Amino acid sequence: MQIIIDYLCHAVNTLFGFYQQPFLKEWDEMLNDIIDKGLIVEVGKLTIKFNYEGKEYEIWVGNRWYSYGHIYSIGGKYIKRSQEFRPRFRTMRRLRDLHMNIFENQEACELFKIYGDKSWS
């Protein structure tokens, strides 16, 4: 059911021009490569930092879906708004799944620290 809702949101965003960044095929390809080959350095509520080919890329994962999946900073230097682009929706969903899986694992680790091997669910 969630996938249907996500794609309906994508259709509305596309139809009414709600996406804040324009689509760029090259950014989509690079983001997929970053997800596949990059090392996750830090995860926050709004960004994920990857080390990729010796550089640190901070990717925006806030504001689902209308402003999602663009480069926020490279090597600690923030990107100008005019240089922000969005990936394909399929790549945004892939990034979202990665982000949510990391948060679920972090929550489980925190609960383990509190309760040890006792069951908390």
N, C-alpha and C. Protein backbone atom coordinates (compact mmCIF):
# COMPACT_ATOMS: atom_id res chain seq x y z
N MET A 1 0.82 -1.19 0.00
CA MET A 1 0.00 0.00 0.00
C MET A 1 0.87 1.26 0.00
N GLN A 2 1.96 1.25 0.77
CA GLN A 2 2.82 2.43 0.86
C GLN A 2 3.42 2.80 -0.49
N ILE A 3 3.77 1.79 -1.28
CA ILE A 3 4.36 2.06 -2.59
C ILE A 3 3.36 2.79 -3.50
N ILE A 4 2.09 2.45 -3.38
CA ILE A 4 1.06 3.12 -4.18
C ILE A 4 0.94 4.58 -3.77
N ILE A 5 0.93 4.83 -2.47
CA ILE A 5 0.87 6.20 -1.96
C ILE A 5 2.09 6.99 -2.42
N ASP A 6 3.27 6.37 -2.33
CA ASP A 6 4.50 7.05 -2.76
C ASP A 6 4.43 7.45 -4.22
N TYR A 7 3.98 6.53 -5.08
CA TYR A 7 3.91 6.84 -6.50
C TYR A 7 2.81 7.85 -6.82
N LEU A 8 1.74 7.87 -6.04
CA LEU A 8 0.73 8.91 -6.21
C LEU A 8 1.31 10.28 -5.85
N CYS A 9 2.10 10.33 -4.78
CA CYS A 9 2.78 11.58 -4.39
C CYS A 9 3.71 12.03 -5.52
N HIS A 10 4.45 11.08 -6.09
CA HIS A 10 5.34 11.40 -7.21
C HIS A 10 4.56 11.96 -8.39
N ALA A 11 3.43 11.34 -8.71
CA ALA A 11 2.62 11.81 -9.84
C ALA A 11 2.12 13.23 -9.60
N VAL A 12 1.64 13.51 -8.39
CA VAL A 12 1.15 14.85 -8.06
C VAL A 12 2.30 15.86 -8.10
N ASN A 13 3.44 15.51 -7.52
CA ASN A 13 4.60 16.41 -7.53
C ASN A 13 5.04 16.72 -8.96
N THR A 14 5.02 15.72 -9.82
CA THR A 14 5.43 15.91 -11.20
C THR A 14 4.40 16.74 -11.96
N LEU A 15 3.14 16.38 -11.83
CA LEU A 15 2.06 17.03 -12.56
C LEU A 15 1.94 18.52 -12.21
N PHE A 16 2.05 18.83 -10.92
CA PHE A 16 1.84 20.21 -10.47
C PHE A 16 3.15 20.97 -10.22
N GLY A 17 4.29 20.36 -10.54
CA GLY A 17 5.58 21.07 -10.42
C GLY A 17 5.99 21.34 -8.98
N PHE A 18 5.69 20.42 -8.07
CA PHE A 18 6.01 20.63 -6.66
C PHE A 18 7.45 20.28 -6.29
N TYR A 19 8.15 19.55 -7.18
CA TYR A 19 9.55 19.22 -6.86
C TYR A 19 10.35 20.52 -6.83
N GLN A 20 11.20 20.67 -5.81
CA GLN A 20 11.98 21.89 -5.66
C GLN A 20 13.24 21.89 -6.51
N GLN A 21 13.74 20.72 -6.87
CA GLN A 21 14.93 20.63 -7.70
C GLN A 21 14.56 19.98 -9.03
N PRO A 22 15.20 20.41 -10.11
CA PRO A 22 14.95 19.74 -11.39
C PRO A 22 15.65 18.39 -11.43
N PHE A 23 15.13 17.49 -12.25
CA PHE A 23 15.73 16.17 -12.43
C PHE A 23 16.99 16.31 -13.27
N LEU A 24 18.03 15.51 -12.91
CA LEU A 24 19.25 15.43 -13.70
C LEU A 24 19.70 13.99 -13.75
N LYS A 25 19.73 13.44 -14.96
CA LYS A 25 20.08 12.03 -15.16
C LYS A 25 21.46 11.71 -14.59
N GLU A 26 22.43 12.60 -14.81
CA GLU A 26 23.80 12.36 -14.32
C GLU A 26 23.84 12.30 -12.80
N TRP A 27 23.04 13.13 -12.12
CA TRP A 27 22.99 13.06 -10.66
C TRP A 27 22.35 11.75 -10.21
N ASP A 28 21.32 11.31 -10.91
CA ASP A 28 20.69 10.03 -10.58
C ASP A 28 21.71 8.89 -10.67
N GLU A 29 22.47 8.86 -11.74
CA GLU A 29 23.48 7.81 -11.91
C GLU A 29 24.55 7.89 -10.82
N MET A 30 24.99 9.11 -10.50
CA MET A 30 26.02 9.26 -9.48
C MET A 30 25.49 8.87 -8.10
N LEU A 31 24.27 9.26 -7.77
CA LEU A 31 23.70 8.91 -6.47
C LEU A 31 23.56 7.40 -6.33
N ASN A 32 23.14 6.72 -7.39
CA ASN A 32 23.09 5.26 -7.34
C ASN A 32 24.46 4.67 -7.08
N ASP A 33 25.48 5.24 -7.71
CA ASP A 33 26.85 4.77 -7.49
C ASP A 33 27.30 5.04 -6.06
N ILE A 34 26.94 6.20 -5.53
CA ILE A 34 27.28 6.53 -4.14
C ILE A 34 26.61 5.54 -3.19
N ILE A 35 25.34 5.23 -3.42
CA ILE A 35 24.62 4.27 -2.58
C ILE A 35 25.27 2.89 -2.67
N ASP A 36 25.67 2.49 -3.88
CA ASP A 36 26.26 1.16 -4.09
C ASP A 36 27.67 1.04 -3.54
N LYS A 37 28.50 2.06 -3.75
CA LYS A 37 29.93 1.94 -3.46
C LYS A 37 30.43 2.82 -2.33
N GLY A 38 29.63 3.79 -1.90
CA GLY A 38 30.06 4.70 -0.86
C GLY A 38 29.97 4.09 0.53
N LEU A 39 30.73 4.66 1.45
CA LEU A 39 30.72 4.25 2.85
C LEU A 39 29.92 5.27 3.65
N ILE A 40 28.93 4.80 4.37
CA ILE A 40 28.11 5.71 5.18
C ILE A 40 28.94 6.16 6.38
N VAL A 41 29.08 7.47 6.52
CA VAL A 41 29.90 8.05 7.58
C VAL A 41 29.02 8.52 8.75
N GLU A 42 27.89 9.11 8.41
CA GLU A 42 27.02 9.68 9.45
C GLU A 42 25.59 9.71 8.94
N VAL A 43 24.66 9.47 9.85
CA VAL A 43 23.24 9.50 9.49
C VAL A 43 22.52 10.41 10.47
N GLY A 44 21.80 11.37 9.91
CA GLY A 44 20.98 12.26 10.71
C GLY A 44 19.54 12.18 10.26
N LYS A 45 18.70 13.00 10.86
CA LYS A 45 17.29 13.00 10.46
C LYS A 45 17.09 13.63 9.09
N LEU A 46 17.98 14.55 8.71
CA LEU A 46 17.80 15.27 7.46
C LEU A 46 18.84 14.96 6.39
N THR A 47 19.98 14.38 6.79
CA THR A 47 21.03 14.10 5.81
C THR A 47 21.72 12.77 6.10
N ILE A 48 22.35 12.22 5.06
CA ILE A 48 23.23 11.06 5.19
C ILE A 48 24.56 11.47 4.56
N LYS A 49 25.65 11.24 5.30
CA LYS A 49 26.98 11.51 4.76
C LYS A 49 27.60 10.22 4.27
N PHE A 50 28.12 10.27 3.05
CA PHE A 50 28.82 9.14 2.44
C PHE A 50 30.25 9.56 2.15
N ASN A 51 31.19 8.64 2.32
CA ASN A 51 32.53 8.82 1.79
C ASN A 51 32.54 8.06 0.47
N TYR A 52 32.81 8.79 -0.59
CA TYR A 52 32.76 8.20 -1.93
C TYR A 52 33.91 8.75 -2.76
N GLU A 53 34.77 7.85 -3.19
CA GLU A 53 35.94 8.21 -3.99
C GLU A 53 36.77 9.31 -3.34
N GLY A 54 36.94 9.20 -2.02
CA GLY A 54 37.81 10.12 -1.29
C GLY A 54 37.17 11.45 -0.90
N LYS A 55 35.91 11.65 -1.25
CA LYS A 55 35.21 12.88 -0.88
C LYS A 55 34.01 12.54 -0.02
N GLU A 56 33.63 13.50 0.81
CA GLU A 56 32.46 13.31 1.67
C GLU A 56 31.26 14.04 1.06
N TYR A 57 30.23 13.25 0.73
CA TYR A 57 29.01 13.79 0.14
C TYR A 57 27.91 13.73 1.19
N GLU A 58 27.26 14.85 1.42
CA GLU A 58 26.13 14.90 2.34
C GLU A 58 24.87 15.02 1.47
N ILE A 59 23.99 14.04 1.59
CA ILE A 59 22.79 13.95 0.77
C ILE A 59 21.56 14.30 1.62
N TRP A 60 20.71 15.17 1.09
CA TRP A 60 19.51 15.60 1.80
C TRP A 60 18.44 14.51 1.75
N VAL A 61 17.95 14.12 2.93
CA VAL A 61 16.89 13.11 3.01
C VAL A 61 15.69 13.61 3.80
N GLY A 62 15.58 14.93 3.92
CA GLY A 62 14.41 15.54 4.56
C GLY A 62 13.39 15.92 3.49
N ASN A 63 12.25 16.36 3.91
CA ASN A 63 11.21 16.86 3.01
C ASN A 63 10.80 15.86 1.93
N ARG A 64 10.51 14.66 2.37
CA ARG A 64 10.08 13.63 1.42
C ARG A 64 8.79 14.08 0.76
N TRP A 65 8.64 14.01 -0.44
CA TRP A 65 9.45 13.69 -1.59
C TRP A 65 9.84 14.94 -2.36
N TYR A 66 9.26 16.06 -2.07
CA TYR A 66 9.41 17.21 -2.95
C TYR A 66 10.80 17.85 -2.94
N SER A 67 11.58 17.63 -1.91
CA SER A 67 12.95 18.15 -1.89
C SER A 67 13.82 17.06 -1.28
N TYR A 68 14.13 16.05 -2.06
CA TYR A 68 14.72 14.84 -1.51
C TYR A 68 15.80 14.30 -2.43
N GLY A 69 16.91 13.89 -1.85
CA GLY A 69 17.93 13.19 -2.61
C GLY A 69 18.91 14.09 -3.35
N HIS A 70 18.96 15.37 -2.99
CA HIS A 70 19.94 16.24 -3.65
C HIS A 70 21.20 16.37 -2.79
N ILE A 71 22.30 16.78 -3.42
CA ILE A 71 23.54 16.99 -2.67
C ILE A 71 23.36 18.22 -1.79
N TYR A 72 23.67 18.08 -0.51
CA TYR A 72 23.59 19.19 0.43
C TYR A 72 24.96 19.83 0.59
N SER A 73 25.99 18.99 0.66
CA SER A 73 27.36 19.52 0.73
C SER A 73 28.34 18.49 0.20
N ILE A 74 29.48 18.98 -0.25
CA ILE A 74 30.59 18.13 -0.68
C ILE A 74 31.82 18.61 0.09
N GLY A 75 32.41 17.69 0.85
CA GLY A 75 33.59 18.05 1.63
C GLY A 75 33.34 19.16 2.63
N GLY A 76 32.12 19.25 3.14
CA GLY A 76 31.78 20.27 4.13
C GLY A 76 31.39 21.61 3.51
N LYS A 77 31.46 21.75 2.21
CA LYS A 77 31.07 23.00 1.54
C LYS A 77 29.66 22.84 0.99
N TYR A 78 28.79 23.74 1.42
CA TYR A 78 27.39 23.65 1.02
C TYR A 78 27.22 24.01 -0.46
N ILE A 79 26.27 23.36 -1.07
CA ILE A 79 25.99 23.51 -2.49
C ILE A 79 25.02 24.67 -2.71
N LYS A 80 25.26 25.45 -3.76
CA LYS A 80 24.34 26.53 -4.11
C LYS A 80 23.02 25.93 -4.57
N ARG A 81 21.97 26.62 -4.29
CA ARG A 81 20.63 26.14 -4.66
C ARG A 81 20.53 25.86 -6.17
N SER A 82 21.19 26.68 -6.96
CA SER A 82 21.13 26.50 -8.41
C SER A 82 21.85 25.24 -8.88
N GLN A 83 22.63 24.62 -7.99
CA GLN A 83 23.37 23.42 -8.34
C GLN A 83 22.75 22.16 -7.73
N GLU A 84 21.58 22.29 -7.14
CA GLU A 84 20.88 21.16 -6.56
C GLU A 84 19.99 20.50 -7.62
N PHE A 85 20.07 19.18 -7.69
CA PHE A 85 19.25 18.42 -8.63
C PHE A 85 18.68 17.21 -7.91
N ARG A 86 17.59 16.71 -8.44
CA ARG A 86 16.98 15.53 -7.84
C ARG A 86 17.23 14.31 -8.73
N PRO A 87 17.25 13.13 -8.11
CA PRO A 87 17.38 11.89 -8.87
C PRO A 87 16.00 11.40 -9.32
N ARG A 88 15.98 10.25 -9.99
CA ARG A 88 14.72 9.59 -10.33
C ARG A 88 13.98 9.22 -9.06
N PHE A 89 12.68 9.08 -9.18
CA PHE A 89 11.88 8.72 -8.01
C PHE A 89 12.28 7.34 -7.48
N ARG A 90 12.59 6.43 -8.36
CA ARG A 90 13.03 5.08 -7.95
C ARG A 90 14.28 5.18 -7.07
N THR A 91 15.20 6.08 -7.41
CA THR A 91 16.41 6.27 -6.61
C THR A 91 16.08 6.93 -5.28
N MET A 92 15.13 7.85 -5.29
CA MET A 92 14.70 8.47 -4.03
C MET A 92 14.14 7.41 -3.09
N ARG A 93 13.32 6.52 -3.63
CA ARG A 93 12.76 5.44 -2.79
C ARG A 93 13.87 4.53 -2.26
N ARG A 94 14.86 4.27 -3.08
CA ARG A 94 15.99 3.44 -2.67
C ARG A 94 16.75 4.11 -1.52
N LEU A 95 16.99 5.40 -1.64
CA LEU A 95 17.66 6.16 -0.59
C LEU A 95 16.81 6.18 0.68
N ARG A 96 15.53 6.36 0.53
CA ARG A 96 14.61 6.37 1.68
C ARG A 96 14.63 5.03 2.41
N ASP A 97 14.60 3.92 1.66
CA ASP A 97 14.67 2.60 2.28
C ASP A 97 15.97 2.43 3.06
N LEU A 98 17.07 2.85 2.48
CA LEU A 98 18.37 2.78 3.17
C LEU A 98 18.33 3.59 4.46
N HIS A 99 17.84 4.81 4.38
CA HIS A 99 17.76 5.70 5.54
C HIS A 99 16.89 5.10 6.65
N MET A 100 15.73 4.59 6.29
CA MET A 100 14.82 4.02 7.29
C MET A 100 15.40 2.75 7.91
N ASN A 101 16.07 1.91 7.13
CA ASN A 101 16.70 0.71 7.68
C ASN A 101 17.78 1.06 8.68
N ILE A 102 18.54 2.10 8.39
CA ILE A 102 19.59 2.53 9.32
C ILE A 102 18.97 3.01 10.62
N PHE A 103 17.90 3.82 10.53
CA PHE A 103 17.25 4.32 11.73
C PHE A 103 16.66 3.18 12.56
N GLU A 104 16.07 2.19 11.91
CA GLU A 104 15.52 1.05 12.64
C GLU A 104 16.63 0.30 13.37
N ASN A 105 17.77 0.12 12.73
CA ASN A 105 18.90 -0.56 13.36
C ASN A 105 19.46 0.27 14.51
N GLN A 106 19.52 1.59 14.35
CA GLN A 106 20.00 2.44 15.44
C GLN A 106 19.08 2.36 16.64
N GLU A 107 17.78 2.35 16.39
CA GLU A 107 16.82 2.23 17.49
C GLU A 107 16.97 0.90 18.21
N ALA A 108 17.16 -0.18 17.46
CA ALA A 108 17.34 -1.49 18.08
C ALA A 108 18.61 -1.52 18.92
N CYS A 109 19.68 -0.88 18.44
CA CYS A 109 20.94 -0.82 19.21
C CYS A 109 20.75 -0.04 20.49
N GLU A 110 20.03 1.07 20.42
CA GLU A 110 19.78 1.87 21.62
C GLU A 110 18.97 1.07 22.64
N LEU A 111 17.96 0.35 22.18
CA LEU A 111 17.17 -0.47 23.08
C LEU A 111 18.02 -1.58 23.69
N PHE A 112 18.92 -2.15 22.89
CA PHE A 112 19.81 -3.19 23.40
C PHE A 112 20.72 -2.63 24.50
N LYS A 113 21.21 -1.41 24.31
CA LYS A 113 22.05 -0.76 25.34
C LYS A 113 21.28 -0.59 26.64
N ILE A 114 20.00 -0.27 26.53
CA ILE A 114 19.18 -0.04 27.71
C ILE A 114 18.79 -1.36 28.38
N TYR A 115 18.30 -2.32 27.58
CA TYR A 115 17.71 -3.53 28.15
C TYR A 115 18.59 -4.76 28.04
N GLY A 116 19.72 -4.66 27.39
CA GLY A 116 20.57 -5.83 27.21
C GLY A 116 19.89 -6.83 26.31
N ASP A 117 20.00 -8.09 26.66
CA ASP A 117 19.41 -9.10 25.79
C ASP A 117 17.97 -9.43 26.16
N LYS A 118 17.36 -8.60 27.02
CA LYS A 118 15.95 -8.80 27.35
C LYS A 118 15.08 -8.42 26.16
N SER A 119 13.96 -9.01 26.07
CA SER A 119 13.05 -8.70 24.97
C SER A 119 12.33 -7.41 25.26
N TRP A 120 12.33 -6.50 24.30
CA TRP A 120 11.62 -5.22 24.46
C TRP A 120 10.45 -5.11 23.51
N SER A 121 10.25 -6.10 22.68
CA SER A 121 9.12 -5.99 21.74
C SER A 121 7.92 -6.77 22.20
